[in-house]
PDB file of N, CA and C in Angstrom:
ATOM      1  N   UNK A   1      27.743  30.488  16.807  1.00  0.00           N
ATOM      2  CA  UNK A   1      26.345  30.764  17.029  1.00  0.00           C
ATOM      3  C   UNK A   1      25.593  29.434  17.039  1.00  0.00           C
ATOM      4  N   UNK A   2      24.780  29.223  18.050  1.00  0.00           N
ATOM      5  CA  UNK A   2      24.034  27.982  18.195  1.00  0.00           C
ATOM      6  C   UNK A   2      22.571  28.213  17.830  1.00  0.00           C
ATOM      7  N   UNK A   3      22.026  27.290  17.015  1.00  0.00           N
ATOM      8  CA  UNK A   3      20.621  27.398  16.620  1.00  0.00           C
ATOM      9  C   UNK A   3      19.799  26.397  17.421  1.00  0.00           C
ATOM     10  N   UNK A   4      18.661  26.833  17.895  1.00  0.00           N
ATOM     11  CA  UNK A   4      17.820  25.975  18.709  1.00  0.00           C
ATOM     12  C   UNK A   4      16.636  25.393  17.941  1.00  0.00           C
ATOM     13  N   UNK A   5      16.399  25.836  16.738  1.00  0.00           N
ATOM     14  CA  UNK A   5      15.236  25.386  15.980  1.00  0.00           C
ATOM     15  C   UNK A   5      15.602  24.317  14.946  1.00  0.00           C
ATOM     16  N   UNK A   6      16.386  23.352  15.357  1.00  0.00           N
ATOM     17  CA  UNK A   6      16.776  22.292  14.433  1.00  0.00           C
ATOM     18  C   UNK A   6      15.694  21.223  14.361  1.00  0.00           C
ATOM     19  N   UNK A   7      15.563  20.628  13.191  1.00  0.00           N
ATOM     20  CA  UNK A   7      14.608  19.548  12.962  1.00  0.00           C
ATOM     21  C   UNK A   7      15.320  18.449  12.191  1.00  0.00           C
ATOM     22  N   UNK A   8      14.818  17.242  12.337  1.00  0.00           N
ATOM     23  CA  UNK A   8      15.400  16.139  11.596  1.00  0.00           C
ATOM     24  C   UNK A   8      14.962  16.222  10.140  1.00  0.00           C
ATOM     25  N   UNK A   9      15.842  15.801   9.247  1.00  0.00           N
ATOM     26  CA  UNK A   9      15.581  15.879   7.810  1.00  0.00           C
ATOM     27  C   UNK A   9      14.348  15.055   7.434  1.00  0.00           C
ATOM     28  N   UNK A  10      14.203  13.871   8.003  1.00  0.00           N
ATOM     29  CA  UNK A  10      13.049  13.016   7.705  1.00  0.00           C
ATOM     30  C   UNK A  10      11.736  13.691   8.065  1.00  0.00           C
ATOM     31  N   UNK A  11      11.707  14.391   9.203  1.00  0.00           N
ATOM     32  CA  UNK A  11      10.494  15.101   9.619  1.00  0.00           C
ATOM     33  C   UNK A  11      10.163  16.236   8.668  1.00  0.00           C
ATOM     34  N   UNK A  12      11.186  16.948   8.213  1.00  0.00           N
ATOM     35  CA  UNK A  12      10.983  18.060   7.282  1.00  0.00           C
ATOM     36  C   UNK A  12      10.456  17.545   5.948  1.00  0.00           C
ATOM     37  N   UNK A  13      10.993  16.427   5.467  1.00  0.00           N
ATOM     38  CA  UNK A  13      10.542  15.859   4.196  1.00  0.00           C
ATOM     39  C   UNK A  13       9.093  15.392   4.304  1.00  0.00           C
ATOM     40  N   UNK A  14       8.739  14.693   5.401  1.00  0.00           N
ATOM     41  CA  UNK A  14       7.349  14.263   5.594  1.00  0.00           C
ATOM     42  C   UNK A  14       6.400  15.455   5.648  1.00  0.00           C
ATOM     43  N   UNK A  15       6.816  16.508   6.319  1.00  0.00           N
ATOM     44  CA  UNK A  15       5.991  17.719   6.414  1.00  0.00           C
ATOM     45  C   UNK A  15       5.808  18.360   5.036  1.00  0.00           C
ATOM     46  N   UNK A  16       6.852  18.398   4.244  1.00  0.00           N
ATOM     47  CA  UNK A  16       6.772  18.959   2.895  1.00  0.00           C
ATOM     48  C   UNK A  16       5.852  18.123   2.010  1.00  0.00           C
ATOM     49  N   UNK A  17       5.992  16.802   2.076  1.00  0.00           N
ATOM     50  CA  UNK A  17       5.123  15.927   1.279  1.00  0.00           C
ATOM     51  C   UNK A  17       3.657  16.113   1.664  1.00  0.00           C
ATOM     52  N   UNK A  18       3.389  16.259   2.953  1.00  0.00           N
ATOM     53  CA  UNK A  18       2.024  16.449   3.416  1.00  0.00           C
ATOM     54  C   UNK A  18       1.467  17.793   2.933  1.00  0.00           C
ATOM     55  N   UNK A  19       2.281  18.837   2.996  1.00  0.00           N
ATOM     56  CA  UNK A  19       1.839  20.166   2.565  1.00  0.00           C
ATOM     57  C   UNK A  19       1.548  20.210   1.069  1.00  0.00           C
ATOM     58  N   UNK A  20       2.340  19.499   0.292  1.00  0.00           N
ATOM     59  CA  UNK A  20       2.185  19.522  -1.165  1.00  0.00           C
ATOM     60  C   UNK A  20       1.176  18.484  -1.659  1.00  0.00           C
ATOM     61  N   UNK A  21       0.592  17.716  -0.751  1.00  0.00           N
ATOM     62  CA  UNK A  21      -0.398  16.723  -1.134  1.00  0.00           C
ATOM     63  C   UNK A  21       0.197  15.503  -1.819  1.00  0.00           C
ATOM     64  N   UNK A  22       1.437  15.196  -1.519  1.00  0.00           N
ATOM     65  CA  UNK A  22       2.117  14.071  -2.161  1.00  0.00           C
ATOM     66  C   UNK A  22       2.260  12.857  -1.257  1.00  0.00           C
ATOM     67  N   UNK A  23       1.868  12.979  -0.007  1.00  0.00           N
ATOM     68  CA  UNK A  23       2.039  11.867   0.922  1.00  0.00           C
ATOM     69  C   UNK A  23       1.136  10.684   0.561  1.00  0.00           C
ATOM     70  N   UNK A  24      -0.127  10.942   0.251  1.00  0.00           N
ATOM     71  CA  UNK A  24      -1.056   9.869  -0.090  1.00  0.00           C
ATOM     72  C   UNK A  24      -0.661   9.141  -1.373  1.00  0.00           C
ATOM     73  N   UNK A  25      -0.368   9.851  -2.469  1.00  0.00           N
ATOM     74  CA  UNK A  25       0.062   9.124  -3.673  1.00  0.00           C
ATOM     75  C   UNK A  25       1.348   8.318  -3.463  1.00  0.00           C
ATOM     76  N   UNK A  26       2.245   8.834  -2.659  1.00  0.00           N
ATOM     77  CA  UNK A  26       3.487   8.107  -2.384  1.00  0.00           C
ATOM     78  C   UNK A  26       3.203   6.836  -1.593  1.00  0.00           C
ATOM     79  N   UNK A  27       2.330   6.920  -0.598  1.00  0.00           N
ATOM     80  CA  UNK A  27       1.970   5.733   0.173  1.00  0.00           C
ATOM     81  C   UNK A  27       1.218   4.712  -0.687  1.00  0.00           C
ATOM     82  N   UNK A  28       0.371   5.188  -1.597  1.00  0.00           N
ATOM     83  CA  UNK A  28      -0.331   4.281  -2.502  1.00  0.00           C
ATOM     84  C   UNK A  28       0.661   3.552  -3.406  1.00  0.00           C
ATOM     85  N   UNK A  29       1.639   4.269  -3.916  1.00  0.00           N
ATOM     86  CA  UNK A  29       2.671   3.652  -4.749  1.00  0.00           C
ATOM     87  C   UNK A  29       3.442   2.595  -3.958  1.00  0.00           C
ATOM     88  N   UNK A  30       3.808   2.936  -2.724  1.00  0.00           N
ATOM     89  CA  UNK A  30       4.535   1.984  -1.884  1.00  0.00           C
ATOM     90  C   UNK A  30       3.710   0.726  -1.633  1.00  0.00           C
ATOM     91  N   UNK A  31       2.415   0.891  -1.412  1.00  0.00           N
ATOM     92  CA  UNK A  31       1.553  -0.253  -1.152  1.00  0.00           C
ATOM     93  C   UNK A  31       1.470  -1.165  -2.375  1.00  0.00           C
ATOM     94  N   UNK A  32       1.281  -0.593  -3.549  1.00  0.00           N
ATOM     95  CA  UNK A  32       1.200  -1.402  -4.767  1.00  0.00           C
ATOM     96  C   UNK A  32       2.523  -2.126  -4.996  1.00  0.00           C
ATOM     97  N   UNK A  33       3.624  -1.451  -4.749  1.00  0.00           N
ATOM     98  CA  UNK A  33       4.936  -2.071  -4.922  1.00  0.00           C
ATOM     99  C   UNK A  33       5.196  -3.162  -3.881  1.00  0.00           C
ATOM    100  N   UNK A  34       4.567  -3.067  -2.712  1.00  0.00           N
ATOM    101  CA  UNK A  34       4.799  -4.060  -1.662  1.00  0.00           C
ATOM    102  C   UNK A  34       3.912  -5.297  -1.817  1.00  0.00           C
ATOM    103  N   UNK A  35       2.991  -5.294  -2.784  1.00  0.00           N
ATOM    104  CA  UNK A  35       2.097  -6.437  -3.001  1.00  0.00           C
ATOM    105  C   UNK A  35       2.884  -7.743  -3.162  1.00  0.00           C
ATOM    106  N   UNK A  36       3.933  -7.704  -3.977  1.00  0.00           N
ATOM    107  CA  UNK A  36       4.728  -8.913  -4.239  1.00  0.00           C
ATOM    108  C   UNK A  36       5.391  -9.419  -2.963  1.00  0.00           C
ATOM    109  N   UNK A  37       5.883  -8.510  -2.140  1.00  0.00           N
ATOM    110  CA  UNK A  37       6.550  -8.912  -0.900  1.00  0.00           C
ATOM    111  C   UNK A  37       5.566  -9.504   0.106  1.00  0.00           C
ATOM    112  N   UNK A  38       4.355  -8.972   0.154  1.00  0.00           N
ATOM    113  CA  UNK A  38       3.376  -9.418   1.143  1.00  0.00           C
ATOM    114  C   UNK A  38       2.752 -10.755   0.752  1.00  0.00           C
ATOM    115  N   UNK A  39       2.359 -10.908  -0.512  1.00  0.00           N
ATOM    116  CA  UNK A  39       1.677 -12.145  -0.928  1.00  0.00           C
ATOM    117  C   UNK A  39       2.633 -13.234  -1.382  1.00  0.00           C
ATOM    118  N   UNK A  40       3.818 -12.872  -1.768  1.00  0.00           N
ATOM    119  CA  UNK A  40       4.795 -13.860  -2.214  1.00  0.00           C
ATOM    120  C   UNK A  40       4.769 -14.062  -3.717  1.00  0.00           C
ATOM    121  N   UNK A  41       5.830 -14.662  -4.255  1.00  0.00           N
ATOM    122  CA  UNK A  41       5.939 -14.814  -5.714  1.00  0.00           C
ATOM    123  C   UNK A  41       4.928 -15.781  -6.317  1.00  0.00           C
ATOM    124  N   UNK A  42       4.477 -16.776  -5.549  1.00  0.00           N
ATOM    125  CA  UNK A  42       3.533 -17.751  -6.113  1.00  0.00           C
ATOM    126  C   UNK A  42       2.171 -17.120  -6.400  1.00  0.00           C
ATOM    127  N   UNK A  43       1.717 -16.207  -5.561  1.00  0.00           N
ATOM    128  CA  UNK A  43       0.453 -15.502  -5.812  1.00  0.00           C
ATOM    129  C   UNK A  43       0.669 -14.349  -6.781  1.00  0.00           C
ATOM    130  N   UNK A  44       1.821 -13.706  -6.683  1.00  0.00           N
ATOM    131  CA  UNK A  44       2.104 -12.550  -7.529  1.00  0.00           C
ATOM    132  C   UNK A  44       2.072 -12.899  -9.016  1.00  0.00           C
ATOM    133  N   UNK A  45       2.463 -14.106  -9.372  1.00  0.00           N
ATOM    134  CA  UNK A  45       2.505 -14.468 -10.795  1.00  0.00           C
ATOM    135  C   UNK A  45       1.106 -14.560 -11.417  1.00  0.00           C
ATOM    136  N   UNK A  46       0.063 -14.664 -10.587  1.00  0.00           N
ATOM    137  CA  UNK A  46      -1.316 -14.665 -11.092  1.00  0.00           C
ATOM    138  C   UNK A  46      -1.944 -13.271 -11.087  1.00  0.00           C
ATOM    139  N   UNK A  47      -1.212 -12.279 -10.608  1.00  0.00           N
ATOM    140  CA  UNK A  47      -1.699 -10.906 -10.553  1.00  0.00           C
ATOM    141  C   UNK A  47      -1.428 -10.224 -11.887  1.00  0.00           C
ATOM    142  N   UNK A  48      -2.475  -9.645 -12.484  1.00  0.00           N
ATOM    143  CA  UNK A  48      -2.292  -8.998 -13.779  1.00  0.00           C
ATOM    144  C   UNK A  48      -2.342  -7.480 -13.689  1.00  0.00           C
ATOM    145  N   UNK A  49      -3.061  -6.930 -12.710  1.00  0.00           N
ATOM    146  CA  UNK A  49      -3.182  -5.474 -12.610  1.00  0.00           C
ATOM    147  C   UNK A  49      -3.533  -5.098 -11.174  1.00  0.00           C
ATOM    148  N   UNK A  50      -2.918  -4.034 -10.683  1.00  0.00           N
ATOM    149  CA  UNK A  50      -3.180  -3.506  -9.344  1.00  0.00           C
ATOM    150  C   UNK A  50      -3.361  -2.005  -9.437  1.00  0.00           C
ATOM    151  N   UNK A  51      -4.381  -1.477  -8.769  1.00  0.00           N
ATOM    152  CA  UNK A  51      -4.506  -0.026  -8.645  1.00  0.00           C
ATOM    153  C   UNK A  51      -5.368   0.311  -7.436  1.00  0.00           C
ATOM    154  N   UNK A  52      -5.224   1.533  -6.947  1.00  0.00           N
ATOM    155  CA  UNK A  52      -5.962   1.993  -5.780  1.00  0.00           C
ATOM    156  C   UNK A  52      -6.856   3.150  -6.188  1.00  0.00           C
ATOM    157  N   UNK A  53      -8.121   3.080  -5.749  1.00  0.00           N
ATOM    158  CA  UNK A  53      -9.065   4.158  -6.001  1.00  0.00           C
ATOM    159  C   UNK A  53      -9.954   4.292  -4.774  1.00  0.00           C
ATOM    160  N   UNK A  54     -10.002   5.469  -4.192  1.00  0.00           N
ATOM    161  CA  UNK A  54     -10.817   5.761  -3.006  1.00  0.00           C
ATOM    162  C   UNK A  54     -10.544   4.790  -1.858  1.00  0.00           C
ATOM    163  N   UNK A  55      -9.294   4.574  -1.557  1.00  0.00           N
ATOM    164  CA  UNK A  55      -8.827   3.710  -0.472  1.00  0.00           C
ATOM    165  C   UNK A  55      -9.236   2.244  -0.657  1.00  0.00           C
ATOM    166  N   UNK A  56      -9.489   1.838  -1.875  1.00  0.00           N
ATOM    167  CA  UNK A  56      -9.794   0.442  -2.185  1.00  0.00           C
ATOM    168  C   UNK A  56      -8.756  -0.059  -3.182  1.00  0.00           C
ATOM    169  N   UNK A  57      -8.128  -1.180  -2.858  1.00  0.00           N
ATOM    170  CA  UNK A  57      -7.147  -1.797  -3.751  1.00  0.00           C
ATOM    171  C   UNK A  57      -7.880  -2.759  -4.673  1.00  0.00           C
ATOM    172  N   UNK A  58      -7.745  -2.553  -5.963  1.00  0.00           N
ATOM    173  CA  UNK A  58      -8.339  -3.432  -6.965  1.00  0.00           C
ATOM    174  C   UNK A  58      -7.242  -4.340  -7.503  1.00  0.00           C
ATOM    175  N   UNK A  59      -7.488  -5.647  -7.421  1.00  0.00           N
ATOM    176  CA  UNK A  59      -6.504  -6.641  -7.840  1.00  0.00           C
ATOM    177  C   UNK A  59      -7.137  -7.517  -8.913  1.00  0.00           C
ATOM    178  N   UNK A  60      -6.547  -7.540 -10.090  1.00  0.00           N
ATOM    179  CA  UNK A  60      -7.004  -8.405 -11.170  1.00  0.00           C
ATOM    180  C   UNK A  60      -6.167  -9.679 -11.125  1.00  0.00           C
ATOM    181  N   UNK A  61      -6.848 -10.814 -11.062  1.00  0.00           N
ATOM    182  CA  UNK A  61      -6.177 -12.111 -10.975  1.00  0.00           C
ATOM    183  C   UNK A  61      -6.566 -12.976 -12.160  1.00  0.00           C
ATOM    184  N   UNK A  62      -5.644 -13.808 -12.594  1.00  0.00           N
ATOM    185  CA  UNK A  62      -5.916 -14.688 -13.725  1.00  0.00           C
ATOM    186  C   UNK A  62      -6.437 -16.053 -13.278  1.00  0.00           C
ATOM    187  N   UNK A  63      -6.541 -16.292 -11.978  1.00  0.00           N
ATOM    188  CA  UNK A  63      -7.014 -17.576 -11.453  1.00  0.00           C
ATOM    189  C   UNK A  63      -8.247 -17.355 -10.582  1.00  0.00           C
ATOM    190  N   UNK A  64      -9.367 -17.953 -10.975  1.00  0.00           N
ATOM    191  CA  UNK A  64     -10.604 -17.807 -10.199  1.00  0.00           C
ATOM    192  C   UNK A  64     -10.508 -18.552  -8.868  1.00  0.00           C
ATOM    193  N   UNK A  65      -9.779 -19.640  -8.827  1.00  0.00           N
ATOM    194  CA  UNK A  65      -9.607 -20.391  -7.584  1.00  0.00           C
ATOM    195  C   UNK A  65      -8.833 -19.553  -6.575  1.00  0.00           C
ATOM    196  N   UNK A  66      -7.768 -18.929  -7.028  1.00  0.00           N
ATOM    197  CA  UNK A  66      -6.970 -18.068  -6.162  1.00  0.00           C
ATOM    198  C   UNK A  66      -7.795 -16.861  -5.706  1.00  0.00           C
ATOM    199  N   UNK A  67      -8.626 -16.335  -6.578  1.00  0.00           N
ATOM    200  CA  UNK A  67      -9.486 -15.195  -6.240  1.00  0.00           C
ATOM    201  C   UNK A  67     -10.380 -15.550  -5.046  1.00  0.00           C
ATOM    202  N   UNK A  68     -11.000 -16.723  -5.092  1.00  0.00           N
ATOM    203  CA  UNK A  68     -11.865 -17.159  -3.995  1.00  0.00           C
ATOM    204  C   UNK A  68     -11.071 -17.360  -2.705  1.00  0.00           C
ATOM    205  N   UNK A  69      -9.886 -17.899  -2.821  1.00  0.00           N
ATOM    206  CA  UNK A  69      -9.038 -18.133  -1.646  1.00  0.00           C
ATOM    207  C   UNK A  69      -8.623 -16.808  -0.999  1.00  0.00           C
ATOM    208  N   UNK A  70      -8.246 -15.833  -1.813  1.00  0.00           N
ATOM    209  CA  UNK A  70      -7.821 -14.542  -1.274  1.00  0.00           C
ATOM    210  C   UNK A  70      -8.986 -13.758  -0.680  1.00  0.00           C
ATOM    211  N   UNK A  71     -10.183 -13.963  -1.193  1.00  0.00           N
ATOM    212  CA  UNK A  71     -11.346 -13.265  -0.637  1.00  0.00           C
ATOM    213  C   UNK A  71     -11.566 -13.643   0.826  1.00  0.00           C
ATOM    214  N   UNK A  72     -11.239 -14.874   1.176  1.00  0.00           N
ATOM    215  CA  UNK A  72     -11.416 -15.310   2.560  1.00  0.00           C
ATOM    216  C   UNK A  72     -10.405 -14.659   3.502  1.00  0.00           C
ATOM    217  N   UNK A  73      -9.240 -14.331   2.998  1.00  0.00           N
ATOM    218  CA  UNK A  73      -8.207 -13.706   3.830  1.00  0.00           C
ATOM    219  C   UNK A  73      -8.036 -12.228   3.558  1.00  0.00           C
ATOM    220  N   UNK A  74      -9.075 -11.591   3.052  1.00  0.00           N
ATOM    221  CA  UNK A  74      -9.015 -10.183   2.642  1.00  0.00           C
ATOM    222  C   UNK A  74      -8.633  -9.249   3.790  1.00  0.00           C
ATOM    223  N   UNK A  75      -9.245  -9.413   4.966  1.00  0.00           N
ATOM    224  CA  UNK A  75      -8.974  -8.511   6.092  1.00  0.00           C
ATOM    225  C   UNK A  75      -7.520  -8.604   6.542  1.00  0.00           C
ATOM    226  N   UNK A  76      -6.998  -9.821   6.565  1.00  0.00           N
ATOM    227  CA  UNK A  76      -5.605 -10.001   6.958  1.00  0.00           C
ATOM    228  C   UNK A  76      -4.669  -9.355   5.934  1.00  0.00           C
ATOM    229  N   UNK A  77      -4.997  -9.465   4.653  1.00  0.00           N
ATOM    230  CA  UNK A  77      -4.185  -8.832   3.613  1.00  0.00           C
ATOM    231  C   UNK A  77      -4.190  -7.312   3.755  1.00  0.00           C
ATOM    232  N   UNK A  78      -5.350  -6.733   4.045  1.00  0.00           N
ATOM    233  CA  UNK A  78      -5.437  -5.279   4.240  1.00  0.00           C
ATOM    234  C   UNK A  78      -4.530  -4.859   5.390  1.00  0.00           C
ATOM    235  N   UNK A  79      -4.597  -5.585   6.506  1.00  0.00           N
ATOM    236  CA  UNK A  79      -3.750  -5.255   7.663  1.00  0.00           C
ATOM    237  C   UNK A  79      -2.272  -5.394   7.329  1.00  0.00           C
ATOM    238  N   UNK A  80      -1.897  -6.476   6.656  1.00  0.00           N
ATOM    239  CA  UNK A  80      -0.485  -6.708   6.336  1.00  0.00           C
ATOM    240  C   UNK A  80       0.059  -5.670   5.347  1.00  0.00           C
ATOM    241  N   UNK A  81      -0.736  -5.313   4.348  1.00  0.00           N
ATOM    242  CA  UNK A  81      -0.281  -4.319   3.375  1.00  0.00           C
ATOM    243  C   UNK A  81      -0.119  -2.955   4.029  1.00  0.00           C
ATOM    244  N   UNK A  82      -1.096  -2.550   4.840  1.00  0.00           N
ATOM    245  CA  UNK A  82      -0.987  -1.266   5.531  1.00  0.00           C
ATOM    246  C   UNK A  82       0.195  -1.254   6.494  1.00  0.00           C
ATOM    247  N   UNK A  83       0.417  -2.364   7.184  1.00  0.00           N
ATOM    248  CA  UNK A  83       1.551  -2.444   8.108  1.00  0.00           C
ATOM    249  C   UNK A  83       2.875  -2.376   7.362  1.00  0.00           C
ATOM    250  N   UNK A  84       2.928  -2.966   6.191  1.00  0.00           N
ATOM    251  CA  UNK A  84       4.161  -2.940   5.396  1.00  0.00           C
ATOM    252  C   UNK A  84       4.511  -1.521   4.967  1.00  0.00           C
ATOM    253  N   UNK A  85       3.489  -0.726   4.666  1.00  0.00           N
ATOM    254  CA  UNK A  85       3.708   0.671   4.268  1.00  0.00           C
ATOM    255  C   UNK A  85       3.910   1.555   5.493  1.00  0.00           C
ATOM    256  N   UNK A  86       3.258   1.210   6.595  1.00  0.00           N
ATOM    257  CA  UNK A  86       3.370   2.011   7.804  1.00  0.00           C
ATOM    258  C   UNK A  86       2.328   3.109   7.892  1.00  0.00           C
ATOM    259  N   UNK A  87       1.238   2.969   7.150  1.00  0.00           N
ATOM    260  CA  UNK A  87       0.162   3.964   7.162  1.00  0.00           C
ATOM    261  C   UNK A  87      -1.140   3.286   6.748  1.00  0.00           C
ATOM    262  N   UNK A  88      -2.257   3.896   7.107  1.00  0.00           N
ATOM    263  CA  UNK A  88      -3.575   3.403   6.710  1.00  0.00           C
ATOM    264  C   UNK A  88      -3.859   3.902   5.295  1.00  0.00           C
ATOM    265  N   UNK A  89      -3.526   3.090   4.296  1.00  0.00           N
ATOM    266  CA  UNK A  89      -3.663   3.482   2.898  1.00  0.00           C
ATOM    267  C   UNK A  89      -4.949   2.938   2.304  1.00  0.00           C
ATOM    268  N   UNK A  90      -5.268   1.668   2.593  1.00  0.00           N
ATOM    269  CA  UNK A  90      -6.469   1.053   2.025  1.00  0.00           C
ATOM    270  C   UNK A  90      -7.371   0.551   3.154  1.00  0.00           C
ATOM    271  N   UNK A  91      -8.654   0.440   2.850  1.00  0.00           N
ATOM    272  CA  UNK A  91      -9.610  -0.101   3.814  1.00  0.00           C
ATOM    273  C   UNK A  91     -10.265  -1.377   3.303  1.00  0.00           C
ATOM    274  N   UNK A  92     -10.090  -1.677   2.014  1.00  0.00           N
ATOM    275  CA  UNK A  92     -10.722  -2.852   1.422  1.00  0.00           C
ATOM    276  C   UNK A  92      -9.932  -3.296   0.188  1.00  0.00           C
ATOM    277  N   UNK A  93     -10.152  -4.541  -0.212  1.00  0.00           N
ATOM    278  CA  UNK A  93      -9.548  -5.080  -1.428  1.00  0.00           C
ATOM    279  C   UNK A  93     -10.674  -5.699  -2.247  1.00  0.00           C
ATOM    280  N   UNK A  94     -10.686  -5.404  -3.538  1.00  0.00           N
ATOM    281  CA  UNK A  94     -11.638  -6.007  -4.470  1.00  0.00           C
ATOM    282  C   UNK A  94     -10.839  -6.861  -5.439  1.00  0.00           C
ATOM    283  N   UNK A  95     -11.194  -8.149  -5.505  1.00  0.00           N
ATOM    284  CA  UNK A  95     -10.529  -9.068  -6.422  1.00  0.00           C
ATOM    285  C   UNK A  95     -11.385  -9.251  -7.648  1.00  0.00           C
ATOM    286  N   UNK A  96     -10.772  -9.121  -8.805  1.00  0.00           N
ATOM    287  CA  UNK A  96     -11.488  -9.258 -10.091  1.00  0.00           C
ATOM    288  C   UNK A  96     -10.816 -10.295 -10.941  1.00  0.00           C
TER     289      UNK A  96
END
């Protein structure tokens, strides 16, 4: 017997995550975890806390000089982080 209603496992999992409301939290987690890969270890060592609230990434930094430098490249960081995750997760970054 041949079945014609086959779907790929990845598509079914994405559909389930979307239905259960878990897709956004999963993408937010992936974005926070990808911070180190996107900015590199030299910037990551000055990062003390990361969290996302209302599509805004809040980054606590221990260096005020680095904070000013990253503020200038904020738009590029937003694009790179979203591209790394593969979804539009954040729209802005606030450095503290």
